[in-house]
PDB file of N, CA and C in Angstrom:
ATOM      1  N   MET A   1      24.797 -27.024  38.299  1.00  0.00           N
ATOM      2  CA  MET A   1      24.667 -27.851  37.281  1.00  0.00           C
ATOM      3  C   MET A   1      23.033 -27.527  36.879  1.00  0.00           C
ATOM      4  N   LYS A   2      22.142 -27.858  37.887  1.00  0.00           N
ATOM      5  CA  LYS A   2      20.917 -27.424  37.383  1.00  0.00           C
ATOM      6  C   LYS A   2      20.555 -26.266  36.833  1.00  0.00           C
ATOM      7  N   TRP A   3      21.204 -25.037  37.341  1.00  0.00           N
ATOM      8  CA  TRP A   3      20.831 -24.017  36.560  1.00  0.00           C
ATOM      9  C   TRP A   3      21.443 -24.003  35.074  1.00  0.00           C
ATOM     10  N   MET A   4      22.325 -24.307  34.766  1.00  0.00           N
ATOM     11  CA  MET A   4      22.563 -24.792  32.981  1.00  0.00           C
ATOM     12  C   MET A   4      21.622 -25.161  32.078  1.00  0.00           C
ATOM     13  N   LEU A   5      21.060 -26.029  32.589  1.00  0.00           N
ATOM     14  CA  LEU A   5      19.460 -26.661  32.618  1.00  0.00           C
ATOM     15  C   LEU A   5      18.729 -25.433  32.353  1.00  0.00           C
ATOM     16  N   ILE A   6      18.247 -24.827  33.448  1.00  0.00           N
ATOM     17  CA  ILE A   6      17.613 -24.189  33.490  1.00  0.00           C
ATOM     18  C   ILE A   6      17.730 -22.934  32.392  1.00  0.00           C
ATOM     19  N   VAL A   7      19.146 -22.280  32.072  1.00  0.00           N
ATOM     20  CA  VAL A   7      18.801 -21.338  31.514  1.00  0.00           C
ATOM     21  C   VAL A   7      19.045 -21.817  29.816  1.00  0.00           C
ATOM     22  N   SER A   8      19.876 -22.920  29.539  1.00  0.00           N
ATOM     23  CA  SER A   8      19.582 -23.493  28.055  1.00  0.00           C
ATOM     24  C   SER A   8      17.609 -23.637  28.030  1.00  0.00           C
ATOM     25  N   GLY A   9      17.217 -24.214  28.668  1.00  0.00           N
ATOM     26  CA  GLY A   9      16.007 -24.158  28.696  1.00  0.00           C
ATOM     27  C   GLY A   9      15.162 -22.744  28.654  1.00  0.00           C
ATOM     28  N   LEU A  10      15.247 -21.975  29.214  1.00  0.00           N
ATOM     29  CA  LEU A  10      14.878 -20.339  28.525  1.00  0.00           C
ATOM     30  C   LEU A  10      15.182 -19.997  27.524  1.00  0.00           C
ATOM     31  N   LEU A  11      16.479 -19.977  27.490  1.00  0.00           N
ATOM     32  CA  LEU A  11      16.928 -19.563  25.982  1.00  0.00           C
ATOM     33  C   LEU A  11      16.303 -20.413  25.152  1.00  0.00           C
ATOM     34  N   ALA A  12      16.611 -21.521  24.972  1.00  0.00           N
ATOM     35  CA  ALA A  12      15.744 -22.636  23.879  1.00  0.00           C
ATOM     36  C   ALA A  12      13.950 -21.698  23.667  1.00  0.00           C
ATOM     37  N   ALA A  13      13.119 -21.890  25.110  1.00  0.00           N
ATOM     38  CA  ALA A  13      11.935 -21.384  24.915  1.00  0.00           C
ATOM     39  C   ALA A  13      11.749 -20.022  23.942  1.00  0.00           C
ATOM     40  N   CYS A  14      13.099 -18.989  24.577  1.00  0.00           N
ATOM     41  CA  CYS A  14      12.594 -17.331  23.777  1.00  0.00           C
ATOM     42  C   CYS A  14      12.995 -17.533  22.485  1.00  0.00           C
ATOM     43  N   ALA A  15      13.924 -18.478  22.231  1.00  0.00           N
ATOM     44  CA  ALA A  15      14.162 -18.354  20.900  1.00  0.00           C
ATOM     45  C   ALA A  15      12.970 -19.039  19.843  1.00  0.00           C
ATOM     46  N   ALA A  16      12.484 -19.867  20.291  1.00  0.00           N
ATOM     47  CA  ALA A  16      11.170 -20.828  19.956  1.00  0.00           C
ATOM     48  C   ALA A  16       9.989 -19.861  19.660  1.00  0.00           C
ATOM     49  N   PHE A  17       9.892 -19.076  20.543  1.00  0.00           N
ATOM     50  CA  PHE A  17       8.773 -17.560  20.887  1.00  0.00           C
ATOM     51  C   PHE A  17       9.136 -16.633  19.831  1.00  0.00           C
ATOM     52  N   ALA A  18      10.615 -16.018  19.901  1.00  0.00           N
ATOM     53  CA  ALA A  18      11.031 -15.311  18.744  1.00  0.00           C
ATOM     54  C   ALA A  18      10.366 -15.528  17.044  1.00  0.00           C
ATOM     55  N   LEU A  19      10.755 -17.136  17.428  1.00  0.00           N
ATOM     56  CA  LEU A  19      10.629 -17.155  15.560  1.00  0.00           C
ATOM     57  C   LEU A  19       9.029 -18.080  15.361  1.00  0.00           C
ATOM     58  N   LEU A  20       8.919 -18.006  16.723  1.00  0.00           N
ATOM     59  CA  LEU A  20       6.655 -17.810  16.003  1.00  0.00           C
ATOM     60  C   LEU A  20       5.900 -16.774  15.751  1.00  0.00           C
ATOM     61  N   ARG A  21       6.730 -15.526  17.191  1.00  0.00           N
ATOM     62  CA  ARG A  21       6.585 -14.326  16.653  1.00  0.00           C
ATOM     63  C   ARG A  21       6.823 -13.787  14.931  1.00  0.00           C
ATOM     64  N   ALA A  22       7.987 -13.651  14.967  1.00  0.00           N
ATOM     65  CA  ALA A  22       8.253 -13.399  13.663  1.00  0.00           C
ATOM     66  C   ALA A  22       7.512 -14.453  12.278  1.00  0.00           C
ATOM     67  N   TRP A  23       7.582 -15.193  12.132  1.00  0.00           N
ATOM     68  CA  TRP A  23       6.386 -16.600  11.625  1.00  0.00           C
ATOM     69  C   TRP A  23       4.758 -15.903  10.989  1.00  0.00           C
ATOM     70  N   ALA A  24       4.262 -15.503  12.841  1.00  0.00           N
ATOM     71  CA  ALA A  24       3.097 -14.869  12.702  1.00  0.00           C
ATOM     72  C   ALA A  24       2.797 -13.537  11.996  1.00  0.00           C
ATOM     73  N   GLY A  25       3.872 -12.977  12.171  1.00  0.00           N
ATOM     74  CA  GLY A  25       3.712 -11.408  11.802  1.00  0.00           C
ATOM     75  C   GLY A  25       4.246 -11.503  10.297  1.00  0.00           C
ATOM     76  N   LYS A  26       4.458 -12.026   9.717  1.00  0.00           N
ATOM     77  CA  LYS A  26       4.359 -12.119   8.304  1.00  0.00           C
ATOM     78  C   LYS A  26       3.075 -11.901   7.601  1.00  0.00           C
ATOM     79  N   GLY A  27       2.154 -12.927   7.733  1.00  0.00           N
ATOM     80  CA  GLY A  27       0.734 -12.136   7.533  1.00  0.00           C
ATOM     81  C   GLY A  27       0.302 -11.353   7.821  1.00  0.00           C
ATOM     82  N   LYS A  28       0.561 -10.744   9.212  1.00  0.00           N
ATOM     83  CA  LYS A  28      -0.788  -9.701   9.001  1.00  0.00           C
ATOM     84  C   LYS A  28      -0.369  -8.552   8.583  1.00  0.00           C
ATOM     85  N   SER A  29       0.880  -8.278   7.867  1.00  0.00           N
ATOM     86  CA  SER A  29       0.974  -6.834   7.556  1.00  0.00           C
ATOM     87  C   SER A  29       0.169  -6.931   5.901  1.00  0.00           C
ATOM     88  N   ASN A  30       0.266  -5.489   5.677  1.00  0.00           N
ATOM     89  CA  ASN A  30      -0.797  -5.327   4.696  1.00  0.00           C
ATOM     90  C   ASN A  30      -0.281  -5.671   3.613  1.00  0.00           C
ATOM     91  N   LYS A  31      -0.194  -6.926   3.284  1.00  0.00           N
ATOM     92  CA  LYS A  31       0.125  -7.659   2.333  1.00  0.00           C
ATOM     93  C   LYS A  31       0.901  -6.916   1.180  1.00  0.00           C
ATOM     94  N   GLY A  32       2.121  -6.418   1.864  1.00  0.00           N
ATOM     95  CA  GLY A  32       2.755  -5.801   1.152  1.00  0.00           C
ATOM     96  C   GLY A  32       2.479  -4.277   0.242  1.00  0.00           C
ATOM     97  N   GLU A  33       1.186  -3.819   0.754  1.00  0.00           N
ATOM     98  CA  GLU A  33       0.656  -2.778  -0.004  1.00  0.00           C
ATOM     99  C   GLU A  33       1.212  -1.515   0.136  1.00  0.00           C
ATOM    100  N   VAL A  34       1.362  -0.401  -0.417  1.00  0.00           N
ATOM    101  CA  VAL A  34       2.321   0.795  -0.382  1.00  0.00           C
ATOM    102  C   VAL A  34       1.415   1.955  -0.198  1.00  0.00           C
ATOM    103  N   SER A  35       1.127   2.804   0.171  1.00  0.00           N
ATOM    104  CA  SER A  35       0.286   3.507  -0.402  1.00  0.00           C
ATOM    105  C   SER A  35       1.224   5.232   0.567  1.00  0.00           C
ATOM    106  N   LEU A  36       0.995   5.772  -0.883  1.00  0.00           N
ATOM    107  CA  LEU A  36       1.848   7.474  -0.996  1.00  0.00           C
ATOM    108  C   LEU A  36       0.894   8.380  -1.699  1.00  0.00           C
ATOM    109  N   MET A  37       1.216   9.984  -0.791  1.00  0.00           N
ATOM    110  CA  MET A  37       0.444  11.024  -1.795  1.00  0.00           C
ATOM    111  C   MET A  37       1.173  10.994  -3.161  1.00  0.00           C
ATOM    112  N   ALA A  38       0.518  11.355  -3.787  1.00  0.00           N
ATOM    113  CA  ALA A  38       0.485  11.143  -5.494  1.00  0.00           C
ATOM    114  C   ALA A  38      -0.085  11.819  -6.686  1.00  0.00           C
ATOM    115  N   THR A  39       0.761  12.556  -7.398  1.00  0.00           N
ATOM    116  CA  THR A  39       0.073  13.262  -8.339  1.00  0.00           C
ATOM    117  C   THR A  39       0.400  12.431  -9.732  1.00  0.00           C
ATOM    118  N   VAL A  40      -1.434  12.725 -10.314  1.00  0.00           N
ATOM    119  CA  VAL A  40      -1.492  11.710 -11.601  1.00  0.00           C
ATOM    120  C   VAL A  40      -0.564  12.570 -12.299  1.00  0.00           C
ATOM    121  N   LYS A  41      -0.147  11.864 -13.333  1.00  0.00           N
ATOM    122  CA  LYS A  41       1.364  12.505 -14.818  1.00  0.00           C
ATOM    123  C   LYS A  41       0.567  12.442 -16.063  1.00  0.00           C
ATOM    124  N   ARG A  42       0.018  11.454 -15.806  1.00  0.00           N
ATOM    125  CA  ARG A  42      -0.962  11.272 -17.843  1.00  0.00           C
ATOM    126  C   ARG A  42      -0.843   9.881 -17.726  1.00  0.00           C
ATOM    127  N   ILE A  43      -2.558   9.902 -18.257  1.00  0.00           N
ATOM    128  CA  ILE A  43      -3.270   8.645 -18.242  1.00  0.00           C
ATOM    129  C   ILE A  43      -3.020   8.476 -19.696  1.00  0.00           C
ATOM    130  N   LEU A  44      -2.571   6.863 -20.056  1.00  0.00           N
ATOM    131  CA  LEU A  44      -2.025   6.524 -21.341  1.00  0.00           C
ATOM    132  C   LEU A  44      -3.374   5.311 -21.982  1.00  0.00           C
ATOM    133  N   THR A  45      -3.251   4.963 -23.282  1.00  0.00           N
ATOM    134  CA  THR A  45      -4.192   4.063 -23.661  1.00  0.00           C
ATOM    135  C   THR A  45      -3.627   3.429 -24.900  1.00  0.00           C
ATOM    136  N   ASN A  46      -3.423   1.952 -25.311  1.00  0.00           N
ATOM    137  CA  ASN A  46      -3.286   1.841 -26.317  1.00  0.00           C
ATOM    138  C   ASN A  46      -4.677   2.067 -27.441  1.00  0.00           C
ATOM    139  N   GLY A  47      -5.638   2.107 -27.078  1.00  0.00           N
ATOM    140  CA  GLY A  47      -6.778   1.910 -28.225  1.00  0.00           C
ATOM    141  C   GLY A  47      -6.982   0.592 -28.106  1.00  0.00           C
ATOM    142  N   GLU A  48      -7.137   0.052 -27.142  1.00  0.00           N
ATOM    143  CA  GLU A  48      -7.967  -1.944 -27.037  1.00  0.00           C
ATOM    144  C   GLU A  48      -8.596  -1.701 -26.023  1.00  0.00           C
ATOM    145  N   GLY A  49      -8.484  -0.752 -24.951  1.00  0.00           N
ATOM    146  CA  GLY A  49      -9.459  -0.541 -23.738  1.00  0.00           C
ATOM    147  C   GLY A  49      -8.854  -0.354 -22.763  1.00  0.00           C
ATOM    148  N   GLN A  50      -7.179  -0.485 -22.841  1.00  0.00           N
ATOM    149  CA  GLN A  50      -5.985  -0.997 -21.939  1.00  0.00           C
ATOM    150  C   GLN A  50      -5.708  -0.195 -21.592  1.00  0.00           C
ATOM    151  N   TYR A  51      -5.553   0.723 -19.817  1.00  0.00           N
ATOM    152  CA  TYR A  51      -4.789   2.076 -19.561  1.00  0.00           C
ATOM    153  C   TYR A  51      -3.704   1.722 -19.279  1.00  0.00           C
ATOM    154  N   ARG A  52      -2.775   2.757 -19.080  1.00  0.00           N
ATOM    155  CA  ARG A  52      -1.401   2.838 -18.102  1.00  0.00           C
ATOM    156  C   ARG A  52      -1.795   4.256 -17.252  1.00  0.00           C
ATOM    157  N   GLY A  53      -1.951   4.136 -16.224  1.00  0.00           N
ATOM    158  CA  GLY A  53      -1.414   5.347 -15.491  1.00  0.00           C
ATOM    159  C   GLY A  53       0.490   5.679 -14.667  1.00  0.00           C
ATOM    160  N   VAL A  54       0.351   6.816 -14.924  1.00  0.00           N
ATOM    161  CA  VAL A  54       1.912   7.128 -14.971  1.00  0.00           C
ATOM    162  C   VAL A  54       1.492   8.282 -13.704  1.00  0.00           C
ATOM    163  N   PHE A  55       1.920   8.250 -12.652  1.00  0.00           N
ATOM    164  CA  PHE A  55       2.138   8.893 -11.350  1.00  0.00           C
ATOM    165  C   PHE A  55       3.645   9.734 -10.726  1.00  0.00           C
ATOM    166  N   ILE A  56       3.368  10.174 -10.429  1.00  0.00           N
ATOM    167  CA  ILE A  56       4.819  11.274  -9.928  1.00  0.00           C
ATOM    168  C   ILE A  56       4.558  10.919  -8.209  1.00  0.00           C
ATOM    169  N   ALA A  57       5.264  10.302  -7.360  1.00  0.00           N
ATOM    170  CA  ALA A  57       5.470   9.819  -6.019  1.00  0.00           C
ATOM    171  C   ALA A  57       6.761   9.746  -5.621  1.00  0.00           C
ATOM    172  N   ARG A  58       6.772  10.662  -4.790  1.00  0.00           N
ATOM    173  CA  ARG A  58       7.982  10.826  -3.955  1.00  0.00           C
ATOM    174  C   ARG A  58       9.058  11.394  -4.584  1.00  0.00           C
ATOM    175  N   GLY A  59       8.359  12.140  -5.442  1.00  0.00           N
ATOM    176  CA  GLY A  59       9.468  12.138  -6.744  1.00  0.00           C
ATOM    177  C   GLY A  59       9.925  11.676  -7.966  1.00  0.00           C
ATOM    178  N   GLN A  60       9.593  10.696  -7.708  1.00  0.00           N
ATOM    179  CA  GLN A  60       9.634   9.587  -9.301  1.00  0.00           C
ATOM    180  C   GLN A  60       8.310   9.036  -9.474  1.00  0.00           C
ATOM    181  N   GLU A  61       9.100   8.933 -11.150  1.00  0.00           N
ATOM    182  CA  GLU A  61       7.335   8.307 -12.019  1.00  0.00           C
ATOM    183  C   GLU A  61       7.205   7.033 -11.926  1.00  0.00           C
ATOM    184  N   VAL A  62       5.883   6.612 -10.922  1.00  0.00           N
ATOM    185  CA  VAL A  62       5.673   4.896 -11.132  1.00  0.00           C
ATOM    186  C   VAL A  62       4.757   4.762 -12.272  1.00  0.00           C
ATOM    187  N   GLU A  63       4.532   3.770 -13.377  1.00  0.00           N
ATOM    188  CA  GLU A  63       3.632   3.272 -13.937  1.00  0.00           C
ATOM    189  C   GLU A  63       3.141   1.893 -13.968  1.00  0.00           C
ATOM    190  N   PHE A  64       1.277   1.898 -14.016  1.00  0.00           N
ATOM    191  CA  PHE A  64       0.767   0.673 -13.693  1.00  0.00           C
ATOM    192  C   PHE A  64      -0.150   0.566 -14.480  1.00  0.00           C
ATOM    193  N   ALA A  65      -0.660  -0.517 -15.072  1.00  0.00           N
ATOM    194  CA  ALA A  65      -1.761  -0.806 -15.712  1.00  0.00           C
ATOM    195  C   ALA A  65      -2.683  -0.616 -14.714  1.00  0.00           C
ATOM    196  N   ILE A  66      -4.094   0.247 -15.099  1.00  0.00           N
ATOM    197  CA  ILE A  66      -5.205   0.412 -14.093  1.00  0.00           C
ATOM    198  C   ILE A  66      -6.513   0.046 -15.429  1.00  0.00           C
ATOM    199  N   PRO A  67      -7.273  -0.095 -14.189  1.00  0.00           N
ATOM    200  CA  PRO A  67      -8.966  -0.533 -14.859  1.00  0.00           C
ATOM    201  C   PRO A  67      -9.452   0.799 -15.281  1.00  0.00           C
ATOM    202  N   ALA A  68     -10.177   0.334 -16.553  1.00  0.00           N
ATOM    203  CA  ALA A  68     -10.384   1.103 -17.180  1.00  0.00           C
ATOM    204  C   ALA A  68     -11.608   2.336 -17.032  1.00  0.00           C
ATOM    205  N   HIS A  69     -12.668   2.163 -15.839  1.00  0.00           N
ATOM    206  CA  HIS A  69     -13.672   3.236 -15.119  1.00  0.00           C
ATOM    207  C   HIS A  69     -12.566   4.231 -13.923  1.00  0.00           C
ATOM    208  N   ILE A  70     -11.026   3.315 -13.506  1.00  0.00           N
ATOM    209  CA  ILE A  70     -10.543   4.539 -13.095  1.00  0.00           C
ATOM    210  C   ILE A  70      -9.820   5.491 -14.247  1.00  0.00           C
ATOM    211  N   ALA A  71      -9.163   4.668 -14.766  1.00  0.00           N
ATOM    212  CA  ALA A  71      -8.566   6.269 -15.814  1.00  0.00           C
ATOM    213  C   ALA A  71      -9.432   6.372 -16.560  1.00  0.00           C
ATOM    214  N   ARG A  72     -10.875   6.468 -16.684  1.00  0.00           N
ATOM    215  CA  ARG A  72     -11.661   7.436 -17.301  1.00  0.00           C
ATOM    216  C   ARG A  72     -12.159   8.551 -16.186  1.00  0.00           C
ATOM    217  N   GLN A  73     -11.797   8.723 -15.052  1.00  0.00           N
ATOM    218  CA  GLN A  73     -12.025   9.426 -13.503  1.00  0.00           C
ATOM    219  C   GLN A  73     -10.572  10.856 -13.303  1.00  0.00           C
ATOM    220  N   LEU A  74      -9.304   9.850 -13.307  1.00  0.00           N
ATOM    221  CA  LEU A  74      -8.238  10.709 -13.652  1.00  0.00           C
ATOM    222  C   LEU A  74      -7.993  11.613 -14.153  1.00  0.00           C
ATOM    223  N   GLN A  75      -7.581  12.541 -13.672  1.00  0.00           N
ATOM    224  CA  GLN A  75      -7.095  13.741 -14.354  1.00  0.00           C
ATOM    225  C   GLN A  75      -5.759  14.453 -14.357  1.00  0.00           C
ATOM    226  N   PRO A  76      -4.829  14.588 -14.854  1.00  0.00           N
ATOM    227  CA  PRO A  76      -3.628  15.205 -15.074  1.00  0.00           C
ATOM    228  C   PRO A  76      -3.257  16.090 -13.727  1.00  0.00           C
ATOM    229  N   GLY A  77      -2.669  16.197 -13.029  1.00  0.00           N
ATOM    230  CA  GLY A  77      -2.401  17.208 -12.369  1.00  0.00           C
ATOM    231  C   GLY A  77      -3.311  16.871 -10.928  1.00  0.00           C
ATOM    232  N   GLU A  78      -3.857  15.832 -10.776  1.00  0.00           N
ATOM    233  CA  GLU A  78      -4.755  15.665  -9.736  1.00  0.00           C
ATOM    234  C   GLU A  78      -4.325  15.050  -8.666  1.00  0.00           C
ATOM    235  N   ARG A  79      -4.354  15.173  -7.240  1.00  0.00           N
ATOM    236  CA  ARG A  79      -3.464  14.579  -6.075  1.00  0.00           C
ATOM    237  C   ARG A  79      -4.179  13.250  -5.448  1.00  0.00           C
ATOM    238  N   GLY A  80      -3.695  12.566  -4.896  1.00  0.00           N
ATOM    239  CA  GLY A  80      -4.274  12.068  -3.958  1.00  0.00           C
ATOM    240  C   GLY A  80      -3.648  10.469  -3.399  1.00  0.00           C
ATOM    241  N   VAL A  81      -4.154   9.384  -2.914  1.00  0.00           N
ATOM    242  CA  VAL A  81      -3.380   8.793  -1.965  1.00  0.00           C
ATOM    243  C   VAL A  81      -3.517   7.672  -3.363  1.00  0.00           C
ATOM    244  N   LEU A  82      -2.510   6.691  -3.384  1.00  0.00           N
ATOM    245  CA  LEU A  82      -1.878   5.766  -4.417  1.00  0.00           C
ATOM    246  C   LEU A  82      -1.716   4.541  -3.486  1.00  0.00           C
ATOM    247  N   THR A  83      -1.955   3.499  -3.697  1.00  0.00           N
ATOM    248  CA  THR A  83      -1.896   2.108  -3.150  1.00  0.00           C
ATOM    249  C   THR A  83      -1.407   1.239  -4.139  1.00  0.00           C
ATOM    250  N   TYR A  84      -0.035   0.935  -3.898  1.00  0.00           N
ATOM    251  CA  TYR A  84      -0.015  -0.600  -4.845  1.00  0.00           C
ATOM    252  C   TYR A  84       0.924  -1.775  -3.939  1.00  0.00           C
ATOM    253  N   ARG A  85       0.708  -2.835  -4.817  1.00  0.00           N
ATOM    254  CA  ARG A  85       1.530  -3.854  -4.161  1.00  0.00           C
ATOM    255  C   ARG A  85       2.231  -4.334  -5.452  1.00  0.00           C
ATOM    256  N   GLY A  86       4.073  -4.094  -5.080  1.00  0.00           N
ATOM    257  CA  GLY A  86       4.667  -5.010  -6.041  1.00  0.00           C
ATOM    258  C   GLY A  86       4.738  -3.934  -6.971  1.00  0.00           C
ATOM    259  N   GLY A  87       3.983  -4.026  -8.198  1.00  0.00           N
ATOM    260  CA  GLY A  87       4.321  -3.788  -9.327  1.00  0.00           C
ATOM    261  C   GLY A  87       3.233  -3.541 -10.150  1.00  0.00           C
ATOM    262  N   GLU A  88       1.958  -3.808  -8.741  1.00  0.00           N
ATOM    263  CA  GLU A  88       0.590  -4.008  -9.183  1.00  0.00           C
ATOM    264  C   GLU A  88      -0.437  -2.758  -8.723  1.00  0.00           C
ATOM    265  N   PHE A  89      -1.518  -2.025  -9.552  1.00  0.00           N
ATOM    266  CA  PHE A  89      -2.169  -1.104  -9.033  1.00  0.00           C
ATOM    267  C   PHE A  89      -3.177  -1.233  -7.897  1.00  0.00           C
ATOM    268  N   VAL A  90      -3.256  -0.900  -6.634  1.00  0.00           N
ATOM    269  CA  VAL A  90      -4.172  -1.417  -6.249  1.00  0.00           C
ATOM    270  C   VAL A  90      -5.429  -0.002  -6.439  1.00  0.00           C
ATOM    271  N   TYR A  91      -5.344   0.795  -6.266  1.00  0.00           N
ATOM    272  CA  TYR A  91      -6.387   1.913  -5.825  1.00  0.00           C
ATOM    273  C   TYR A  91      -5.513   3.355  -5.976  1.00  0.00           C
ATOM    274  N   PHE A  92      -6.275   4.446  -6.407  1.00  0.00           N
ATOM    275  CA  PHE A  92      -6.082   5.746  -6.473  1.00  0.00           C
ATOM    276  C   PHE A  92      -7.681   6.434  -5.836  1.00  0.00           C
ATOM    277  N   VAL A  93      -7.146   7.116  -4.902  1.00  0.00           N
ATOM    278  CA  VAL A  93      -9.103   7.902  -4.151  1.00  0.00           C
ATOM    279  C   VAL A  93      -8.013   9.254  -4.305  1.00  0.00           C
ATOM    280  N   PRO A  94      -8.387   9.876  -5.416  1.00  0.00           N
ATOM    281  CA  PRO A  94      -8.378  11.764  -4.940  1.00  0.00           C
ATOM    282  C   PRO A  94      -8.715  12.496  -3.860  1.00  0.00           C
ATOM    283  N   ARG A  95      -7.932  13.158  -3.623  1.00  0.00           N
ATOM    284  CA  ARG A  95      -8.132  14.254  -2.925  1.00  0.00           C
ATOM    285  C   ARG A  95      -9.118  14.625  -2.102  1.00  0.00           C
ATOM    286  N   GLN A  96      -9.719  15.751  -2.852  1.00  0.00           N
ATOM    287  CA  GLN A  96     -11.151  15.629  -2.844  1.00  0.00           C
ATOM    288  C   GLN A  96     -11.712  14.620  -1.866  1.00  0.00           C
ATOM    289  N   GLN A  97     -11.711  13.936  -2.025  1.00  0.00           N
ATOM    290  CA  GLN A  97     -12.744  12.406  -1.633  1.00  0.00           C
ATOM    291  C   GLN A  97     -12.643  12.331  -0.088  1.00  0.00           C
ATOM    292  N   LEU A  98     -10.900  12.368   0.190  1.00  0.00           N
ATOM    293  CA  LEU A  98     -10.754  11.711   1.249  1.00  0.00           C
ATOM    294  C   LEU A  98     -11.267  12.513   2.451  1.00  0.00           C
ATOM    295  N   PHE A  99     -11.956  13.923   2.236  1.00  0.00           N
ATOM    296  CA  PHE A  99     -12.298  14.693   3.033  1.00  0.00           C
ATOM    297  C   PHE A  99     -14.108  14.862   3.150  1.00  0.00           C
ATOM    298  N   GLU A 100     -14.256  14.009   1.550  1.00  0.00           N
ATOM    299  CA  GLU A 100     -16.055  14.900   1.859  1.00  0.00           C
ATOM    300  C   GLU A 100     -17.087  13.620   2.786  1.00  0.00           C
ATOM    301  N   ALA A 101     -18.103  14.341   2.963  1.00  0.00           N
ATOM    302  CA  ALA A 101     -18.903  13.299   3.689  1.00  0.00           C
ATOM    303  C   ALA A 101     -18.703  13.146   5.080  1.00  0.00           C
ATOM    304  N   GLU A 102     -17.438  13.250   5.907  1.00  0.00           N
ATOM    305  CA  GLU A 102     -16.898  13.038   7.266  1.00  0.00           C
ATOM    306  C   GLU A 102     -17.192  14.639   8.084  1.00  0.00           C
ATOM    307  N   GLY A 103     -17.323  16.045   7.199  1.00  0.00           N
ATOM    308  CA  GLY A 103     -16.919  16.703   7.291  1.00  0.00           C
ATOM    309  C   GLY A 103     -15.832  17.144   7.391  1.00  0.00           C
ATOM    310  N   GLU A 104     -15.358  18.951   7.685  1.00  0.00           N
ATOM    311  CA  GLU A 104     -14.667  19.405   7.062  1.00  0.00           C
ATOM    312  C   GLU A 104     -13.720  19.248   8.564  1.00  0.00           C
ATOM    313  N   GLY A 105     -12.008  18.784   8.053  1.00  0.00           N
ATOM    314  CA  GLY A 105     -10.986  18.540   8.689  1.00  0.00           C
ATOM    315  C   GLY A 105     -11.097  17.042   9.099  1.00  0.00           C
ATOM    316  N   GLN A 106     -12.032  16.164   8.535  1.00  0.00           N
ATOM    317  CA  GLN A 106     -11.744  14.831   9.395  1.00  0.00           C
ATOM    318  C   GLN A 106     -11.195  14.253   7.838  1.00  0.00           C
ATOM    319  N   LEU A 107     -10.684  12.816   8.372  1.00  0.00           N
ATOM    320  CA  LEU A 107     -10.186  11.856   7.026  1.00  0.00           C
ATOM    321  C   LEU A 107     -10.922  10.832   6.922  1.00  0.00           C
ATOM    322  N   ARG A 108     -11.472  10.689   6.017  1.00  0.00           N
ATOM    323  CA  ARG A 108     -12.465   9.717   5.121  1.00  0.00           C
ATOM    324  C   ARG A 108     -11.528   7.822   5.545  1.00  0.00           C
ATOM    325  N   ALA A 109     -12.298   7.171   6.095  1.00  0.00           N
ATOM    326  CA  ALA A 109     -10.776   5.924   5.790  1.00  0.00           C
ATOM    327  C   ALA A 109     -11.501   5.134   4.644  1.00  0.00           C
ATOM    328  N   VAL A 110     -10.535   5.170   4.151  1.00  0.00           N
ATOM    329  CA  VAL A 110      -9.802   4.045   3.064  1.00  0.00           C
ATOM    330  C   VAL A 110      -9.675   3.196   3.014  1.00  0.00           C
ATOM    331  N   SER A 111     -10.564   2.321   2.122  1.00  0.00           N
ATOM    332  CA  SER A 111     -10.153   0.466   2.174  1.00  0.00           C
ATOM    333  C   SER A 111     -10.774  -0.168   1.540  1.00  0.00           C
TER     334      SER A 111
END
């Protein structure tokens, strides 16, 4: 009879621990950010200082509103790491910048 209480208590403690870990792990991910190798397809402007970048990532076109200072630096055909969160552009790091300043063959930290 006592063993049933012990087993049920252990099961309840394990369930509580699993729920706590699941809840705590939600905020630790990179806030839903996705980073992919992508190619700049084109940069669009509406003439009012607003830019949209069209990228090809994993064989699909994705389009984001991007800041003007980034839009002016991007060239069609340029490859790099595209990072976005949902439908929101976070940043794009051109491939040549990933390997500079650290020497040949070393990947620079991007964040």
